[in-house]
Amino acid sequence: MNSEKVEEPITITRRALDWLTVHGNVCLGLRHPNNIGPSRALAERFLVDLEAELLACGLLSPTDIAEIHQVEREESPFGQQLQ
């Protein structure tokens, strides 16, 4: 890995369904009780940013996001609360 490039933004264009799938799988990964390392905060930030994009494009509503967060609070051993 080229460590000089890790802070550079990149654009990845995918179908909306693909991004919803990534979102769901990241949420699931964050529920794992052993997911306590430093990359956890990066994944949480990614979800916040992704949700903002999904909201902005009209794919998800504020109600949808609130429901997702409720499920994550109920299912996560950490009581995960995405912003």
N, C-alpha and C. Protein backbone atom coordinates (compact mmCIF):
# COMPACT_ATOMS: atom_id res chain seq x y z
N MET A 1 0.85 -1.17 0.00
CA MET A 1 0.00 0.00 0.00
C MET A 1 0.90 1.24 0.00
N ASN A 2 0.49 2.22 -0.78
CA ASN A 2 1.21 3.48 -0.85
C ASN A 2 0.67 4.41 0.25
N SER A 3 1.39 4.49 1.35
CA SER A 3 0.91 5.28 2.50
C SER A 3 0.83 6.78 2.20
N GLU A 4 1.50 7.23 1.16
CA GLU A 4 1.43 8.65 0.79
C GLU A 4 0.08 9.00 0.16
N LYS A 5 -0.66 8.01 -0.27
CA LYS A 5 -1.93 8.23 -0.97
C LYS A 5 -3.17 8.07 -0.09
N VAL A 6 -3.01 7.56 1.14
CA VAL A 6 -4.17 7.18 1.93
C VAL A 6 -5.09 8.33 2.31
N GLU A 7 -4.63 9.55 2.32
CA GLU A 7 -5.47 10.69 2.67
C GLU A 7 -6.12 11.34 1.46
N GLU A 8 -5.79 10.86 0.26
CA GLU A 8 -6.36 11.45 -0.95
C GLU A 8 -7.78 10.96 -1.17
N PRO A 9 -8.71 11.88 -1.48
CA PRO A 9 -10.07 11.44 -1.77
C PRO A 9 -10.13 10.71 -3.11
N ILE A 10 -11.01 9.73 -3.19
CA ILE A 10 -11.27 9.05 -4.46
C ILE A 10 -12.78 8.98 -4.66
N THR A 11 -13.19 8.89 -5.89
CA THR A 11 -14.60 8.77 -6.22
C THR A 11 -14.85 7.39 -6.79
N ILE A 12 -15.85 6.72 -6.24
CA ILE A 12 -16.24 5.41 -6.73
C ILE A 12 -17.73 5.49 -7.06
N THR A 13 -18.05 5.33 -8.31
CA THR A 13 -19.44 5.41 -8.75
C THR A 13 -20.02 4.01 -8.82
N ARG A 14 -21.08 3.80 -8.07
CA ARG A 14 -21.78 2.51 -8.03
C ARG A 14 -23.28 2.76 -8.04
N ARG A 15 -24.04 1.70 -8.29
CA ARG A 15 -25.49 1.80 -8.23
C ARG A 15 -25.92 2.08 -6.80
N ALA A 16 -27.09 2.69 -6.66
CA ALA A 16 -27.63 2.97 -5.33
C ALA A 16 -27.76 1.69 -4.51
N LEU A 17 -28.21 0.62 -5.13
CA LEU A 17 -28.34 -0.65 -4.41
C LEU A 17 -27.01 -1.11 -3.85
N ASP A 18 -25.93 -0.91 -4.60
CA ASP A 18 -24.61 -1.30 -4.11
C ASP A 18 -24.25 -0.53 -2.85
N TRP A 19 -24.52 0.79 -2.83
CA TRP A 19 -24.20 1.60 -1.66
C TRP A 19 -25.07 1.23 -0.47
N LEU A 20 -26.33 0.88 -0.71
CA LEU A 20 -27.18 0.42 0.39
C LEU A 20 -26.65 -0.89 0.95
N THR A 21 -26.15 -1.75 0.08
CA THR A 21 -25.58 -3.02 0.51
C THR A 21 -24.31 -2.80 1.33
N VAL A 22 -23.45 -1.91 0.88
CA VAL A 22 -22.24 -1.59 1.63
C VAL A 22 -22.63 -1.02 3.00
N HIS A 23 -23.59 -0.13 3.02
CA HIS A 23 -24.04 0.46 4.28
C HIS A 23 -24.48 -0.62 5.25
N GLY A 24 -25.32 -1.52 4.79
CA GLY A 24 -25.82 -2.59 5.65
C GLY A 24 -24.72 -3.49 6.16
N ASN A 25 -23.76 -3.80 5.31
CA ASN A 25 -22.67 -4.67 5.72
C ASN A 25 -21.71 -3.99 6.68
N VAL A 26 -21.49 -2.69 6.51
CA VAL A 26 -20.65 -1.97 7.47
C VAL A 26 -21.37 -1.92 8.82
N CYS A 27 -22.68 -1.66 8.81
CA CYS A 27 -23.44 -1.67 10.07
C CYS A 27 -23.29 -3.03 10.75
N LEU A 28 -23.44 -4.09 9.98
CA LEU A 28 -23.31 -5.43 10.54
C LEU A 28 -21.92 -5.65 11.13
N GLY A 29 -20.89 -5.23 10.41
CA GLY A 29 -19.53 -5.37 10.91
C GLY A 29 -19.29 -4.59 12.19
N LEU A 30 -19.93 -3.45 12.31
CA LEU A 30 -19.77 -2.64 13.52
C LEU A 30 -20.46 -3.25 14.72
N ARG A 31 -21.39 -4.17 14.48
CA ARG A 31 -22.06 -4.85 15.59
C ARG A 31 -21.17 -5.91 16.24
N HIS A 32 -20.14 -6.36 15.55
CA HIS A 32 -19.32 -7.45 16.07
C HIS A 32 -18.62 -6.99 17.35
N PRO A 33 -18.71 -7.77 18.41
CA PRO A 33 -18.14 -7.33 19.70
C PRO A 33 -16.63 -7.18 19.69
N ASN A 34 -15.95 -7.80 18.75
CA ASN A 34 -14.49 -7.65 18.67
C ASN A 34 -14.06 -6.49 17.79
N ASN A 35 -14.99 -5.78 17.22
CA ASN A 35 -14.67 -4.65 16.35
C ASN A 35 -14.46 -3.41 17.22
N ILE A 36 -13.30 -3.36 17.87
CA ILE A 36 -13.01 -2.27 18.80
C ILE A 36 -11.72 -1.53 18.46
N GLY A 37 -11.13 -1.87 17.33
CA GLY A 37 -9.86 -1.26 16.94
C GLY A 37 -10.02 0.15 16.40
N PRO A 38 -8.91 0.76 16.03
CA PRO A 38 -8.92 2.14 15.55
C PRO A 38 -9.68 2.36 14.25
N SER A 39 -9.83 1.31 13.44
CA SER A 39 -10.57 1.49 12.18
C SER A 39 -12.07 1.62 12.41
N ARG A 40 -12.54 1.26 13.59
CA ARG A 40 -13.97 1.37 13.90
C ARG A 40 -14.45 2.81 13.72
N ALA A 41 -13.72 3.76 14.24
CA ALA A 41 -14.12 5.16 14.14
C ALA A 41 -14.17 5.61 12.67
N LEU A 42 -13.25 5.12 11.87
CA LEU A 42 -13.26 5.46 10.45
C LEU A 42 -14.51 4.89 9.77
N ALA A 43 -14.87 3.66 10.11
CA ALA A 43 -16.07 3.04 9.54
C ALA A 43 -17.32 3.78 9.97
N GLU A 44 -17.38 4.20 11.23
CA GLU A 44 -18.53 4.96 11.71
C GLU A 44 -18.65 6.29 10.97
N ARG A 45 -17.53 6.96 10.76
CA ARG A 45 -17.54 8.24 10.02
C ARG A 45 -17.98 8.01 8.57
N PHE A 46 -17.51 6.91 7.97
CA PHE A 46 -17.91 6.57 6.61
C PHE A 46 -19.43 6.42 6.53
N LEU A 47 -20.02 5.73 7.50
CA LEU A 47 -21.47 5.54 7.49
C LEU A 47 -22.21 6.87 7.60
N VAL A 48 -21.73 7.75 8.44
CA VAL A 48 -22.37 9.06 8.57
C VAL A 48 -22.32 9.80 7.23
N ASP A 49 -21.17 9.78 6.59
CA ASP A 49 -21.03 10.45 5.29
C ASP A 49 -21.89 9.79 4.22
N LEU A 50 -21.91 8.46 4.21
CA LEU A 50 -22.71 7.74 3.23
C LEU A 50 -24.19 8.02 3.43
N GLU A 51 -24.64 8.02 4.67
CA GLU A 51 -26.05 8.34 4.94
C GLU A 51 -26.40 9.74 4.46
N ALA A 52 -25.51 10.68 4.62
CA ALA A 52 -25.76 12.05 4.15
C ALA A 52 -25.93 12.06 2.63
N GLU A 53 -25.11 11.29 1.94
CA GLU A 53 -25.22 11.21 0.48
C GLU A 53 -26.51 10.52 0.05
N LEU A 54 -26.87 9.43 0.74
CA LEU A 54 -28.10 8.70 0.41
C LEU A 54 -29.33 9.56 0.70
N LEU A 55 -29.24 10.40 1.70
CA LEU A 55 -30.31 11.34 2.01
C LEU A 55 -30.37 12.43 0.94
N ALA A 56 -29.23 12.98 0.59
CA ALA A 56 -29.17 14.08 -0.37
C ALA A 56 -29.69 13.68 -1.75
N CYS A 57 -29.45 12.43 -2.14
CA CYS A 57 -29.90 11.99 -3.46
C CYS A 57 -31.35 11.50 -3.44
N GLY A 58 -31.97 11.48 -2.26
CA GLY A 58 -33.37 11.10 -2.16
C GLY A 58 -33.62 9.61 -2.05
N LEU A 59 -32.57 8.82 -1.91
CA LEU A 59 -32.75 7.38 -1.80
C LEU A 59 -33.28 7.00 -0.42
N LEU A 60 -32.79 7.65 0.62
CA LEU A 60 -33.28 7.43 1.97
C LEU A 60 -33.91 8.72 2.48
N SER A 61 -34.88 8.56 3.36
CA SER A 61 -35.51 9.71 4.01
C SER A 61 -34.96 9.83 5.43
N PRO A 62 -35.19 10.96 6.07
CA PRO A 62 -34.79 11.05 7.48
C PRO A 62 -35.44 9.95 8.33
N THR A 63 -36.66 9.58 8.01
CA THR A 63 -37.33 8.50 8.74
C THR A 63 -36.61 7.18 8.54
N ASP A 64 -36.20 6.89 7.30
CA ASP A 64 -35.45 5.67 7.02
C ASP A 64 -34.17 5.62 7.86
N ILE A 65 -33.46 6.71 7.90
CA ILE A 65 -32.19 6.76 8.64
C ILE A 65 -32.45 6.60 10.13
N ALA A 66 -33.49 7.23 10.63
CA ALA A 66 -33.84 7.07 12.05
C ALA A 66 -34.16 5.62 12.37
N GLU A 67 -34.86 4.94 11.47
CA GLU A 67 -35.19 3.53 11.68
C GLU A 67 -33.93 2.66 11.66
N ILE A 68 -33.01 2.96 10.75
CA ILE A 68 -31.74 2.24 10.69
C ILE A 68 -30.99 2.40 12.01
N HIS A 69 -30.93 3.61 12.51
CA HIS A 69 -30.21 3.87 13.76
C HIS A 69 -30.87 3.16 14.93
N GLN A 70 -32.19 3.09 14.91
CA GLN A 70 -32.90 2.38 15.98
C GLN A 70 -32.53 0.90 15.98
N VAL A 71 -32.52 0.29 14.81
CA VAL A 71 -32.12 -1.12 14.70
C VAL A 71 -30.70 -1.30 15.20
N GLU A 72 -29.80 -0.40 14.82
CA GLU A 72 -28.41 -0.53 15.25
C GLU A 72 -28.28 -0.40 16.77
N ARG A 73 -29.04 0.50 17.38
CA ARG A 73 -29.01 0.62 18.84
C ARG A 73 -29.51 -0.67 19.49
N GLU A 74 -30.54 -1.28 18.91
CA GLU A 74 -31.10 -2.51 19.47
C GLU A 74 -30.19 -3.72 19.27
N GLU A 75 -29.51 -3.77 18.14
CA GLU A 75 -28.74 -4.96 17.77
C GLU A 75 -27.27 -4.92 18.18
N SER A 76 -26.73 -3.74 18.37
CA SER A 76 -25.31 -3.60 18.63
C SER A 76 -24.98 -3.84 20.10
N PRO A 77 -23.91 -4.59 20.37
CA PRO A 77 -23.49 -4.76 21.76
C PRO A 77 -22.95 -3.46 22.35
N PHE A 78 -22.69 -2.48 21.49
CA PHE A 78 -22.14 -1.21 21.94
C PHE A 78 -23.21 -0.14 22.11
N GLY A 79 -24.46 -0.47 21.77
CA GLY A 79 -25.49 0.56 21.77
C GLY A 79 -25.16 1.63 20.75
N GLN A 80 -24.60 1.18 19.63
CA GLN A 80 -24.08 2.06 18.58
C GLN A 80 -25.08 3.15 18.23
N GLN A 81 -24.58 4.36 18.19
CA GLN A 81 -25.42 5.49 17.80
C GLN A 81 -24.70 6.28 16.72
N LEU A 82 -25.13 6.09 15.50
CA LEU A 82 -24.57 6.86 14.41
C LEU A 82 -25.14 8.26 14.47
N GLN A 83 -24.36 9.21 14.03
CA GLN A 83 -24.82 10.60 14.03
C GLN A 83 -25.53 10.91 12.75
